Amino acid sequence: MKRILYLCIAISMFFSGYAQNEFSSKFTPIPPKDNAPKIKNGILPKVDLPKNISQKDIKKQEFTAEVPKTSLLNTAKIIDKPVSLDVVNYNRNQNLGSYKTGSLTAKVRYRDAAYVDGDKIRIYLNDKVIDYEVVLDSVFKGFEIKLEKGLNKIDFEALNEGFASPNTAEFEVYDDKGSIISSSQWNLGTDYKGTLILMKD
């Protein structure tokens, strides 16, 4: 009987030595790594966020270089070519070109270059207003002027930019024989001007 009792005690000690002890009170789990910022006094630490660049700053960075103007006589008619770039900063006055002509009159036509979005312009001839407000449509509008000897300056001032910026227009200028003097476009911000110069011999 004693042998059986000793055998039972020995077997129970043997199995208790190999038993798992994760569930005992002495078990301490390894805490997970904490990458979250620590909160002190209920205030999160400051985090450096990337600087937000505004559209205005982007424009300043992209359009700092001045575009050189052609001042020499390139052909028999063109005195100063208009600036034509794929992307133009429209928040500035725009040179629409200078042309020499022997014509007595000039007919100027213009219309919205993109879809009609309510673009409005004011037209000047030699710094005098000849039309206070013109709404650009999909069809050409225009006027005819008698050219004075020497410089004849025509300014198109953008009164707004419509629903889609900028103020865009296609224009054409014809001499008194119906031959085209100039055909181009402008892209203007509000209150900026596109200037066309006709020099009469």
N, C-alpha and C. Protein backbone atom coordinates (compact mmCIF):
# COMPACT_ATOMS: atom_id res chain seq x y z
N MET A 1 0.82 -1.19 0.00
CA MET A 1 0.00 0.00 0.00
C MET A 1 0.87 1.26 0.00
N LYS A 2 1.92 1.22 0.82
CA LYS A 2 2.82 2.38 0.87
C LYS A 2 3.50 2.58 -0.48
N ARG A 3 3.81 1.43 -1.14
CA ARG A 3 4.49 1.53 -2.44
C ARG A 3 3.55 2.21 -3.45
N ILE A 4 2.31 1.84 -3.40
CA ILE A 4 1.36 2.44 -4.34
C ILE A 4 1.23 3.94 -4.07
N LEU A 5 1.19 4.32 -2.79
CA LEU A 5 1.09 5.73 -2.41
C LEU A 5 2.32 6.50 -2.87
N TYR A 6 3.53 5.94 -2.66
CA TYR A 6 4.76 6.60 -3.12
C TYR A 6 4.79 6.72 -4.64
N LEU A 7 4.28 5.64 -5.33
CA LEU A 7 4.25 5.66 -6.78
C LEU A 7 3.33 6.78 -7.29
N CYS A 8 2.15 6.94 -6.67
CA CYS A 8 1.21 8.01 -7.06
C CYS A 8 1.81 9.40 -6.83
N ILE A 9 2.50 9.57 -5.70
CA ILE A 9 3.12 10.87 -5.39
C ILE A 9 4.23 11.18 -6.40
N ALA A 10 5.02 10.14 -6.75
CA ALA A 10 6.12 10.34 -7.69
C ALA A 10 5.59 10.71 -9.07
N ILE A 11 4.52 10.02 -9.51
CA ILE A 11 3.95 10.30 -10.83
C ILE A 11 3.38 11.72 -10.87
N SER A 12 2.67 12.12 -9.79
CA SER A 12 2.09 13.46 -9.77
C SER A 12 3.18 14.53 -9.76
N MET A 13 4.28 14.32 -9.08
CA MET A 13 5.39 15.28 -9.07
C MET A 13 6.05 15.36 -10.46
N PHE A 14 6.14 14.16 -11.12
CA PHE A 14 6.75 14.12 -12.44
C PHE A 14 5.96 14.98 -13.43
N PHE A 15 4.62 14.80 -13.45
CA PHE A 15 3.78 15.54 -14.39
C PHE A 15 3.68 17.03 -14.03
N SER A 16 3.71 17.35 -12.75
CA SER A 16 3.63 18.78 -12.37
C SER A 16 4.89 19.54 -12.76
N GLY A 17 6.03 18.85 -12.89
CA GLY A 17 7.28 19.50 -13.30
C GLY A 17 7.27 19.90 -14.76
N TYR A 18 6.55 19.17 -15.63
CA TYR A 18 6.48 19.47 -17.06
C TYR A 18 5.22 20.22 -17.46
N ALA A 19 4.39 20.52 -16.52
CA ALA A 19 3.15 21.23 -16.83
C ALA A 19 3.44 22.68 -17.23
N GLN A 20 2.58 23.30 -18.11
CA GLN A 20 2.76 24.71 -18.51
C GLN A 20 2.37 25.61 -17.36
N ASN A 21 3.10 26.68 -17.18
CA ASN A 21 2.81 27.59 -16.09
C ASN A 21 2.48 29.01 -16.57
N GLU A 22 1.96 29.15 -17.84
CA GLU A 22 1.61 30.48 -18.31
C GLU A 22 0.46 31.08 -17.53
N PHE A 23 -0.38 30.24 -16.98
CA PHE A 23 -1.56 30.74 -16.30
C PHE A 23 -1.34 30.94 -14.81
N SER A 24 -0.11 30.77 -14.37
CA SER A 24 0.17 31.02 -12.96
C SER A 24 0.22 32.51 -12.69
N SER A 25 0.17 32.84 -11.43
CA SER A 25 0.16 34.25 -11.05
C SER A 25 1.50 34.92 -11.27
N LYS A 26 2.58 34.15 -11.46
CA LYS A 26 3.90 34.73 -11.66
C LYS A 26 4.17 35.10 -13.12
N PHE A 27 3.26 34.73 -14.06
CA PHE A 27 3.46 35.00 -15.50
C PHE A 27 3.29 36.49 -15.79
N THR A 28 4.28 37.09 -16.48
CA THR A 28 4.20 38.51 -16.88
C THR A 28 4.36 38.59 -18.40
N PRO A 29 3.30 39.01 -19.15
CA PRO A 29 3.39 39.08 -20.61
C PRO A 29 4.29 40.24 -21.06
N ILE A 30 4.87 40.12 -22.28
CA ILE A 30 5.71 41.19 -22.85
C ILE A 30 4.80 42.24 -23.45
N PRO A 31 4.92 43.49 -23.03
CA PRO A 31 4.02 44.53 -23.56
C PRO A 31 4.36 44.84 -25.01
N PRO A 32 3.34 45.17 -25.86
CA PRO A 32 3.62 45.53 -27.26
C PRO A 32 4.35 46.86 -27.34
N LYS A 33 5.12 47.04 -28.45
CA LYS A 33 5.86 48.29 -28.66
C LYS A 33 4.88 49.41 -28.97
N ASP A 34 5.00 50.51 -28.27
CA ASP A 34 4.06 51.64 -28.41
C ASP A 34 4.72 52.76 -29.18
N ASN A 35 4.25 52.97 -30.45
CA ASN A 35 4.79 54.06 -31.29
C ASN A 35 3.97 55.34 -31.19
N ALA A 36 2.84 55.27 -30.52
CA ALA A 36 1.96 56.44 -30.43
C ALA A 36 2.62 57.52 -29.57
N PRO A 37 2.37 58.80 -29.89
CA PRO A 37 2.94 59.88 -29.07
C PRO A 37 2.36 59.86 -27.67
N LYS A 38 3.20 60.16 -26.71
CA LYS A 38 2.77 60.17 -25.31
C LYS A 38 2.06 61.48 -24.98
N ILE A 39 0.98 61.36 -24.28
CA ILE A 39 0.17 62.52 -23.90
C ILE A 39 0.62 62.97 -22.51
N LYS A 40 0.96 64.24 -22.41
CA LYS A 40 1.34 64.82 -21.12
C LYS A 40 0.36 65.92 -20.78
N ASN A 41 -0.23 65.83 -19.61
CA ASN A 41 -1.19 66.81 -19.12
C ASN A 41 -2.35 67.01 -20.11
N GLY A 42 -2.73 65.93 -20.80
CA GLY A 42 -3.87 66.00 -21.72
C GLY A 42 -3.58 66.73 -23.03
N ILE A 43 -2.27 67.02 -23.35
CA ILE A 43 -1.90 67.76 -24.56
C ILE A 43 -1.01 66.87 -25.40
N LEU A 44 -1.38 66.71 -26.68
CA LEU A 44 -0.56 65.93 -27.60
C LEU A 44 0.67 66.75 -28.00
N PRO A 45 1.81 66.09 -28.24
CA PRO A 45 2.98 66.84 -28.70
C PRO A 45 2.78 67.37 -30.10
N LYS A 46 3.49 68.46 -30.47
CA LYS A 46 3.37 69.07 -31.79
C LYS A 46 4.01 68.17 -32.84
N VAL A 47 3.34 68.09 -34.00
CA VAL A 47 3.84 67.27 -35.10
C VAL A 47 4.13 68.20 -36.27
N ASP A 48 5.32 68.05 -36.89
CA ASP A 48 5.69 68.88 -38.05
C ASP A 48 4.96 68.37 -39.28
N LEU A 49 4.03 69.18 -39.81
CA LEU A 49 3.28 68.82 -41.01
C LEU A 49 3.94 69.45 -42.22
N PRO A 50 3.80 68.85 -43.42
CA PRO A 50 4.36 69.47 -44.63
C PRO A 50 3.70 70.81 -44.92
N LYS A 51 4.47 71.77 -45.43
CA LYS A 51 3.95 73.10 -45.72
C LYS A 51 2.97 73.03 -46.87
N ASN A 52 1.83 73.67 -46.71
CA ASN A 52 0.79 73.69 -47.74
C ASN A 52 1.09 74.83 -48.72
N ILE A 53 1.28 74.51 -50.00
CA ILE A 53 1.63 75.51 -51.01
C ILE A 53 0.37 75.97 -51.69
N SER A 54 0.13 77.27 -51.69
CA SER A 54 -1.06 77.81 -52.33
C SER A 54 -0.85 77.94 -53.83
N GLN A 55 -1.96 78.07 -54.56
CA GLN A 55 -1.89 78.23 -56.01
C GLN A 55 -1.14 79.52 -56.37
N LYS A 56 -1.28 80.55 -55.54
CA LYS A 56 -0.60 81.82 -55.80
C LYS A 56 0.91 81.64 -55.73
N ASP A 57 1.39 80.86 -54.73
CA ASP A 57 2.82 80.63 -54.61
C ASP A 57 3.36 79.86 -55.80
N ILE A 58 2.58 78.88 -56.28
CA ILE A 58 3.01 78.10 -57.43
C ILE A 58 3.19 78.99 -58.64
N LYS A 59 2.29 79.90 -58.81
CA LYS A 59 2.38 80.81 -59.95
C LYS A 59 3.64 81.66 -59.85
N LYS A 60 3.94 82.15 -58.67
CA LYS A 60 5.13 82.99 -58.50
C LYS A 60 6.39 82.20 -58.82
N GLN A 61 6.41 80.94 -58.47
CA GLN A 61 7.59 80.12 -58.72
C GLN A 61 7.75 79.82 -60.20
N GLU A 62 6.64 79.58 -60.88
CA GLU A 62 6.71 79.16 -62.28
C GLU A 62 6.94 80.32 -63.24
N PHE A 63 6.58 81.54 -62.85
CA PHE A 63 6.59 82.64 -63.82
C PHE A 63 7.42 83.82 -63.33
N THR A 64 8.60 83.54 -62.84
CA THR A 64 9.45 84.63 -62.39
C THR A 64 10.30 85.21 -63.52
N ALA A 65 10.60 84.41 -64.55
CA ALA A 65 11.47 84.88 -65.65
C ALA A 65 10.68 85.78 -66.59
N GLU A 66 11.31 86.83 -67.00
CA GLU A 66 10.70 87.76 -67.96
C GLU A 66 10.85 87.19 -69.37
N VAL A 67 9.81 87.33 -70.18
CA VAL A 67 9.86 86.86 -71.56
C VAL A 67 10.41 87.99 -72.42
N PRO A 68 11.52 87.74 -73.13
CA PRO A 68 12.09 88.82 -73.96
C PRO A 68 11.16 89.17 -75.12
N LYS A 69 11.09 90.45 -75.42
CA LYS A 69 10.25 90.92 -76.53
C LYS A 69 11.11 91.10 -77.78
N THR A 70 10.51 90.82 -78.92
CA THR A 70 11.20 91.02 -80.20
C THR A 70 10.93 92.45 -80.65
N SER A 71 11.97 93.25 -80.70
CA SER A 71 11.79 94.66 -81.05
C SER A 71 12.25 94.97 -82.46
N LEU A 72 12.92 94.02 -83.13
CA LEU A 72 13.40 94.28 -84.48
C LEU A 72 12.32 93.94 -85.50
N LEU A 73 12.44 94.51 -86.68
CA LEU A 73 11.48 94.26 -87.75
C LEU A 73 11.73 92.85 -88.29
N ASN A 74 10.78 91.92 -88.06
CA ASN A 74 10.94 90.53 -88.48
C ASN A 74 10.48 90.32 -89.92
N THR A 75 9.36 90.94 -90.29
CA THR A 75 8.88 90.86 -91.66
C THR A 75 8.51 92.27 -92.09
N ALA A 76 7.89 92.37 -93.26
CA ALA A 76 7.49 93.69 -93.75
C ALA A 76 6.38 94.29 -92.91
N LYS A 77 5.60 93.44 -92.21
CA LYS A 77 4.45 93.95 -91.46
C LYS A 77 4.67 93.95 -89.96
N ILE A 78 5.23 92.84 -89.44
CA ILE A 78 5.29 92.67 -87.99
C ILE A 78 6.44 93.48 -87.41
N ILE A 79 6.12 94.34 -86.44
CA ILE A 79 7.15 95.11 -85.73
C ILE A 79 7.54 94.39 -84.45
N ASP A 80 6.55 93.98 -83.69
CA ASP A 80 6.78 93.32 -82.40
C ASP A 80 5.84 92.14 -82.29
N LYS A 81 6.40 90.92 -82.24
CA LYS A 81 5.56 89.72 -82.22
C LYS A 81 4.87 89.56 -80.88
N PRO A 82 3.64 89.04 -80.87
CA PRO A 82 2.98 88.76 -79.59
C PRO A 82 3.66 87.60 -78.88
N VAL A 83 3.59 87.63 -77.54
CA VAL A 83 4.17 86.54 -76.75
C VAL A 83 3.26 85.34 -76.87
N SER A 84 3.80 84.22 -77.34
CA SER A 84 2.99 83.00 -77.44
C SER A 84 3.72 81.87 -76.73
N LEU A 85 3.22 81.49 -75.56
CA LEU A 85 3.77 80.39 -74.78
C LEU A 85 2.68 79.36 -74.56
N ASP A 86 3.09 78.12 -74.30
CA ASP A 86 2.11 77.08 -73.99
C ASP A 86 1.35 77.43 -72.72
N VAL A 87 2.06 77.90 -71.71
CA VAL A 87 1.45 78.30 -70.45
C VAL A 87 1.89 79.71 -70.15
N VAL A 88 0.95 80.62 -69.99
CA VAL A 88 1.26 82.02 -69.73
C VAL A 88 0.63 82.43 -68.41
N ASN A 89 1.36 83.16 -67.61
CA ASN A 89 0.80 83.71 -66.38
C ASN A 89 -0.14 84.84 -66.78
N TYR A 90 -1.43 84.65 -66.57
CA TYR A 90 -2.39 85.64 -67.08
C TYR A 90 -2.62 86.79 -66.12
N ASN A 91 -1.97 86.81 -64.96
CA ASN A 91 -2.10 87.93 -64.04
C ASN A 91 -1.05 88.99 -64.36
N ARG A 92 -1.08 89.48 -65.56
CA ARG A 92 -0.20 90.56 -66.03
C ARG A 92 -0.74 91.07 -67.36
N ASN A 93 -0.29 92.24 -67.76
CA ASN A 93 -0.67 92.78 -69.06
C ASN A 93 -0.02 91.93 -70.16
N GLN A 94 -0.70 91.83 -71.28
CA GLN A 94 -0.24 90.94 -72.35
C GLN A 94 -0.01 91.73 -73.64
N ASN A 95 1.13 91.47 -74.27
CA ASN A 95 1.47 92.08 -75.55
C ASN A 95 0.82 91.26 -76.66
N LEU A 96 -0.08 91.87 -77.42
CA LEU A 96 -0.76 91.18 -78.52
C LEU A 96 -0.09 91.45 -79.86
N GLY A 97 1.02 92.15 -79.86
CA GLY A 97 1.80 92.38 -81.07
C GLY A 97 1.70 93.79 -81.60
N SER A 98 2.71 94.16 -82.40
CA SER A 98 2.74 95.46 -83.08
C SER A 98 2.91 95.21 -84.57
N TYR A 99 2.10 95.91 -85.38
CA TYR A 99 2.07 95.66 -86.81
C TYR A 99 2.09 96.98 -87.58
N LYS A 100 2.83 96.98 -88.70
CA LYS A 100 2.88 98.15 -89.57
C LYS A 100 1.94 97.91 -90.75
N THR A 101 1.15 98.93 -91.08
CA THR A 101 0.19 98.79 -92.18
C THR A 101 0.02 100.12 -92.90
N GLY A 102 -0.34 100.05 -94.17
CA GLY A 102 -0.66 101.25 -94.94
C GLY A 102 -2.16 101.43 -95.08
N SER A 103 -2.93 100.64 -94.38
CA SER A 103 -4.38 100.67 -94.49
C SER A 103 -4.95 101.96 -93.90
N LEU A 104 -6.06 102.42 -94.48
CA LEU A 104 -6.73 103.61 -93.95
C LEU A 104 -7.58 103.27 -92.73
N THR A 105 -8.13 102.06 -92.72
CA THR A 105 -8.99 101.62 -91.60
C THR A 105 -8.55 100.23 -91.15
N ALA A 106 -9.04 99.85 -89.98
CA ALA A 106 -8.80 98.50 -89.46
C ALA A 106 -10.10 98.00 -88.85
N LYS A 107 -10.43 96.76 -89.17
CA LYS A 107 -11.62 96.12 -88.60
C LYS A 107 -11.15 95.10 -87.58
N VAL A 108 -11.65 95.22 -86.34
CA VAL A 108 -11.26 94.33 -85.24
C VAL A 108 -12.48 93.49 -84.85
N ARG A 109 -12.27 92.16 -84.79
CA ARG A 109 -13.34 91.25 -84.38
C ARG A 109 -12.85 90.38 -83.23
N TYR A 110 -13.75 89.99 -82.35
CA TYR A 110 -13.37 89.18 -81.19
C TYR A 110 -14.56 88.35 -80.74
N ARG A 111 -14.24 87.23 -80.07
CA ARG A 111 -15.26 86.35 -79.49
C ARG A 111 -14.60 85.53 -78.39
N ASP A 112 -15.43 84.86 -77.58
CA ASP A 112 -14.90 84.00 -76.51
C ASP A 112 -14.13 82.85 -77.14
N ALA A 113 -12.91 82.63 -76.66
CA ALA A 113 -12.06 81.59 -77.26
C ALA A 113 -12.43 80.20 -76.79
N ALA A 114 -12.96 80.07 -75.56
CA ALA A 114 -13.37 78.77 -75.03
C ALA A 114 -14.89 78.72 -75.05
N TYR A 115 -15.49 77.95 -74.12
CA TYR A 115 -16.95 77.97 -74.06
C TYR A 115 -17.41 79.28 -73.42
N VAL A 116 -18.59 79.70 -73.78
CA VAL A 116 -19.10 81.00 -73.32
C VAL A 116 -19.38 80.92 -71.83
N ASP A 117 -18.64 81.74 -71.05
CA ASP A 117 -18.77 81.69 -69.59
C ASP A 117 -18.96 83.06 -68.96
N GLY A 118 -19.35 84.06 -69.77
CA GLY A 118 -19.64 85.38 -69.21
C GLY A 118 -18.46 86.32 -69.15
N ASP A 119 -17.41 86.09 -69.96
CA ASP A 119 -16.27 87.01 -69.98
C ASP A 119 -16.71 88.39 -70.47
N LYS A 120 -16.22 89.45 -69.76
CA LYS A 120 -16.53 90.82 -70.14
C LYS A 120 -15.24 91.60 -70.32
N ILE A 121 -15.25 92.52 -71.31
CA ILE A 121 -14.07 93.35 -71.57
C ILE A 121 -14.47 94.81 -71.74
N ARG A 122 -13.48 95.70 -71.60
CA ARG A 122 -13.62 97.12 -71.93
C ARG A 122 -12.58 97.43 -72.99
N ILE A 123 -12.94 98.24 -73.98
CA ILE A 123 -12.06 98.48 -75.12
C ILE A 123 -11.64 99.95 -75.14
N TYR A 124 -10.32 100.16 -75.34
CA TYR A 124 -9.74 101.51 -75.43
C TYR A 124 -9.07 101.68 -76.79
N LEU A 125 -9.13 102.89 -77.30
CA LEU A 125 -8.35 103.27 -78.47
C LEU A 125 -7.54 104.51 -78.10
N ASN A 126 -6.23 104.36 -78.13
CA ASN A 126 -5.31 105.44 -77.72
C ASN A 126 -5.70 105.99 -76.35
N ASP A 127 -5.93 105.06 -75.40
CA ASP A 127 -6.22 105.35 -73.99
C ASP A 127 -7.59 106.01 -73.76
N LYS A 128 -8.45 106.03 -74.77
CA LYS A 128 -9.81 106.54 -74.61
C LYS A 128 -10.79 105.39 -74.75
N VAL A 129 -11.77 105.32 -73.85
CA VAL A 129 -12.74 104.22 -73.87
C VAL A 129 -13.64 104.36 -75.09
N ILE A 130 -13.75 103.28 -75.87
CA ILE A 130 -14.68 103.28 -77.00
C ILE A 130 -15.85 102.33 -76.75
N ASP A 131 -15.71 101.42 -75.78
CA ASP A 131 -16.83 100.56 -75.38
C ASP A 131 -16.61 100.16 -73.93
N TYR A 132 -17.54 100.59 -73.05
CA TYR A 132 -17.35 100.38 -71.61
C TYR A 132 -17.51 98.92 -71.18
N GLU A 133 -18.39 98.18 -71.83
CA GLU A 133 -18.59 96.80 -71.43
C GLU A 133 -19.09 95.96 -72.60
N VAL A 134 -18.32 94.93 -72.92
CA VAL A 134 -18.70 94.00 -73.98
C VAL A 134 -18.71 92.60 -73.37
N VAL A 135 -19.82 91.87 -73.57
CA VAL A 135 -19.89 90.47 -73.13
C VAL A 135 -19.50 89.60 -74.32
N LEU A 136 -18.48 88.76 -74.13
CA LEU A 136 -17.99 87.93 -75.23
C LEU A 136 -18.92 86.74 -75.46
N ASP A 137 -19.29 86.54 -76.73
CA ASP A 137 -20.17 85.44 -77.13
C ASP A 137 -19.38 84.45 -77.98
N SER A 138 -20.10 83.45 -78.51
CA SER A 138 -19.47 82.47 -79.37
C SER A 138 -19.33 82.98 -80.81
N VAL A 139 -20.07 84.05 -81.14
CA VAL A 139 -19.96 84.65 -82.48
C VAL A 139 -19.13 85.92 -82.40
N PHE A 140 -18.48 86.27 -83.50
CA PHE A 140 -17.62 87.45 -83.53
C PHE A 140 -18.44 88.74 -83.41
N LYS A 141 -17.92 89.66 -82.58
CA LYS A 141 -18.38 91.05 -82.54
C LYS A 141 -17.19 91.89 -82.93
N GLY A 142 -17.42 93.17 -83.18
CA GLY A 142 -16.26 93.98 -83.52
C GLY A 142 -16.58 95.43 -83.81
N PHE A 143 -15.57 96.12 -84.29
CA PHE A 143 -15.68 97.54 -84.62
C PHE A 143 -14.66 97.85 -85.70
N GLU A 144 -14.87 98.99 -86.36
CA GLU A 144 -13.94 99.45 -87.39
C GLU A 144 -13.46 100.84 -86.99
N ILE A 145 -12.17 101.06 -87.12
CA ILE A 145 -11.61 102.37 -86.75
C ILE A 145 -10.86 102.96 -87.93
N LYS A 146 -10.83 104.27 -87.96
CA LYS A 146 -10.01 104.99 -88.93
C LYS A 146 -8.62 105.13 -88.31
N LEU A 147 -7.61 104.65 -89.02
CA LEU A 147 -6.26 104.67 -88.48
C LEU A 147 -5.63 106.04 -88.67
N GLU A 148 -5.10 106.57 -87.56
CA GLU A 148 -4.36 107.83 -87.61
C GLU A 148 -2.92 107.53 -88.00
N LYS A 149 -2.26 108.51 -88.59
CA LYS A 149 -0.86 108.31 -88.96
C LYS A 149 -0.02 108.13 -87.70
N GLY A 150 0.84 107.13 -87.72
CA GLY A 150 1.65 106.82 -86.56
C GLY A 150 1.03 105.70 -85.73
N LEU A 151 1.10 105.86 -84.42
CA LEU A 151 0.71 104.78 -83.50
C LEU A 151 -0.79 104.80 -83.23
N ASN A 152 -1.40 103.63 -83.34
CA ASN A 152 -2.80 103.40 -82.97
C ASN A 152 -2.83 102.24 -81.98
N LYS A 153 -3.10 102.56 -80.72
CA LYS A 153 -3.04 101.54 -79.67
C LYS A 153 -4.44 101.10 -79.27
N ILE A 154 -4.68 99.80 -79.31
CA ILE A 154 -5.96 99.23 -78.91
C ILE A 154 -5.73 98.36 -77.68
N ASP A 155 -6.47 98.66 -76.60
CA ASP A 155 -6.37 97.88 -75.35
C ASP A 155 -7.68 97.15 -75.10
N PHE A 156 -7.56 95.89 -74.72
CA PHE A 156 -8.70 95.09 -74.27
C PHE A 156 -8.49 94.80 -72.79
N GLU A 157 -9.33 95.40 -71.94
CA GLU A 157 -9.20 95.21 -70.49
C GLU A 157 -10.20 94.16 -70.01
N ALA A 158 -9.71 93.18 -69.25
CA ALA A 158 -10.59 92.14 -68.71
C ALA A 158 -11.33 92.69 -67.49
N LEU A 159 -12.65 92.76 -67.58
CA LEU A 159 -13.47 93.22 -66.45
C LEU A 159 -13.76 92.09 -65.48
N ASN A 160 -13.68 90.86 -65.95
CA ASN A 160 -13.87 89.69 -65.08
C ASN A 160 -13.21 88.49 -65.76
N GLU A 161 -13.39 87.31 -65.16
CA GLU A 161 -12.83 86.09 -65.74
C GLU A 161 -13.92 85.05 -66.01
N GLY A 162 -15.18 85.49 -65.95
CA GLY A 162 -16.27 84.56 -66.21
C GLY A 162 -16.33 83.46 -65.16
N PHE A 163 -16.97 82.35 -65.53
CA PHE A 163 -17.07 81.22 -64.60
C PHE A 163 -15.80 80.39 -64.57
N ALA A 164 -14.99 80.48 -65.63
CA ALA A 164 -13.75 79.70 -65.71
C ALA A 164 -12.60 80.65 -66.05
N SER A 165 -11.62 80.73 -65.15
CA SER A 165 -10.47 81.61 -65.38
C SER A 165 -9.58 81.04 -66.48
N PRO A 166 -8.88 81.93 -67.21
CA PRO A 166 -8.93 83.39 -67.19
C PRO A 166 -9.96 83.92 -68.18
N ASN A 167 -9.88 85.24 -68.44
CA ASN A 167 -10.69 85.86 -69.49
C ASN A 167 -10.01 85.52 -70.81
N THR A 168 -10.71 84.74 -71.64
CA THR A 168 -10.09 84.27 -72.88
C THR A 168 -10.86 84.80 -74.08
N ALA A 169 -10.14 85.13 -75.13
CA ALA A 169 -10.80 85.59 -76.36
C ALA A 169 -9.92 85.31 -77.56
N GLU A 170 -10.56 85.09 -78.66
CA GLU A 170 -9.90 85.00 -79.96
C GLU A 170 -10.20 86.31 -80.70
N PHE A 171 -9.19 86.90 -81.33
CA PHE A 171 -9.43 88.15 -82.06
C PHE A 171 -8.77 88.11 -83.43
N GLU A 172 -9.30 88.93 -84.33
CA GLU A 172 -8.78 89.07 -85.68
C GLU A 172 -8.78 90.55 -86.06
N VAL A 173 -7.77 90.96 -86.80
CA VAL A 173 -7.68 92.34 -87.27
C VAL A 173 -7.48 92.30 -88.79
N TYR A 174 -8.32 93.07 -89.53
CA TYR A 174 -8.27 93.11 -90.99
C TYR A 174 -7.99 94.53 -91.46
N ASP A 175 -7.32 94.64 -92.61
CA ASP A 175 -7.10 95.97 -93.19
C ASP A 175 -8.29 96.33 -94.09
N ASP A 176 -8.19 97.48 -94.77
CA ASP A 176 -9.32 97.96 -95.57
C ASP A 176 -9.55 97.16 -96.85
N LYS A 177 -8.63 96.25 -97.19
CA LYS A 177 -8.80 95.38 -98.35
C LYS A 177 -9.31 93.99 -97.95
N GLY A 178 -9.54 93.78 -96.66
CA GLY A 178 -10.02 92.49 -96.18
C GLY A 178 -8.91 91.49 -95.89
N SER A 179 -7.65 91.92 -96.00
CA SER A 179 -6.53 91.04 -95.68
C SER A 179 -6.30 91.04 -94.16
N ILE A 180 -5.96 89.88 -93.64
CA ILE A 180 -5.78 89.78 -92.18
C ILE A 180 -4.43 90.35 -91.77
N ILE A 181 -4.45 91.19 -90.75
CA ILE A 181 -3.22 91.77 -90.19
C ILE A 181 -2.73 90.91 -89.03
N SER A 182 -3.67 90.50 -88.18
CA SER A 182 -3.30 89.71 -87.00
C SER A 182 -4.45 88.79 -86.63
N SER A 183 -4.11 87.63 -86.11
CA SER A 183 -5.09 86.68 -85.60
C SER A 183 -4.45 85.94 -84.44
N SER A 184 -5.01 86.11 -83.25
CA SER A 184 -4.39 85.50 -82.07
C SER A 184 -5.43 85.38 -80.95
N GLN A 185 -4.94 85.16 -79.73
CA GLN A 185 -5.81 85.03 -78.56
C GLN A 185 -5.20 85.79 -77.39
N TRP A 186 -6.04 86.11 -76.40
CA TRP A 186 -5.52 86.62 -75.13
C TRP A 186 -6.05 85.76 -74.00
N ASN A 187 -5.28 85.75 -72.91
CA ASN A 187 -5.65 85.09 -71.66
C ASN A 187 -5.31 86.08 -70.55
N LEU A 188 -6.34 86.72 -69.98
CA LEU A 188 -6.10 87.83 -69.06
C LEU A 188 -6.80 87.59 -67.72
N GLY A 189 -6.12 88.02 -66.65
CA GLY A 189 -6.76 88.08 -65.34
C GLY A 189 -7.55 89.37 -65.23
N THR A 190 -8.43 89.45 -64.26
CA THR A 190 -9.27 90.64 -64.07
C THR A 190 -8.41 91.88 -63.87
N ASP A 191 -8.79 92.97 -64.54
CA ASP A 191 -8.13 94.29 -64.48
C ASP A 191 -6.82 94.35 -65.27
N TYR A 192 -6.46 93.31 -65.98
CA TYR A 192 -5.26 93.36 -66.83
C TYR A 192 -5.67 93.59 -68.28
N LYS A 193 -4.69 94.09 -69.08
CA LYS A 193 -5.00 94.48 -70.46
C LYS A 193 -4.14 93.70 -71.46
N GLY A 194 -4.77 93.44 -72.61
CA GLY A 194 -4.04 92.97 -73.78
C GLY A 194 -3.92 94.12 -74.75
N THR A 195 -2.71 94.42 -75.21
CA THR A 195 -2.47 95.62 -76.02
C THR A 195 -2.02 95.24 -77.42
N LEU A 196 -2.71 95.78 -78.41
CA LEU A 196 -2.41 95.60 -79.82
C LEU A 196 -2.04 96.96 -80.41
N ILE A 197 -0.95 97.02 -81.14
CA ILE A 197 -0.51 98.30 -81.72
C ILE A 197 -0.46 98.18 -83.23
N LEU A 198 -1.12 99.13 -83.90
CA LEU A 198 -1.08 99.24 -85.37
C LEU A 198 -0.38 100.53 -85.74
N MET A 199 0.72 100.41 -86.50
CA MET A 199 1.48 101.58 -86.94
C MET A 199 1.11 101.87 -88.39
N LYS A 200 0.54 103.06 -88.59
CA LYS A 200 0.15 103.46 -89.97
C LYS A 200 1.27 104.25 -90.60
N ASP A 201 1.65 103.86 -91.83
CA ASP A 201 2.72 104.56 -92.56
C ASP A 201 2.28 105.98 -92.92
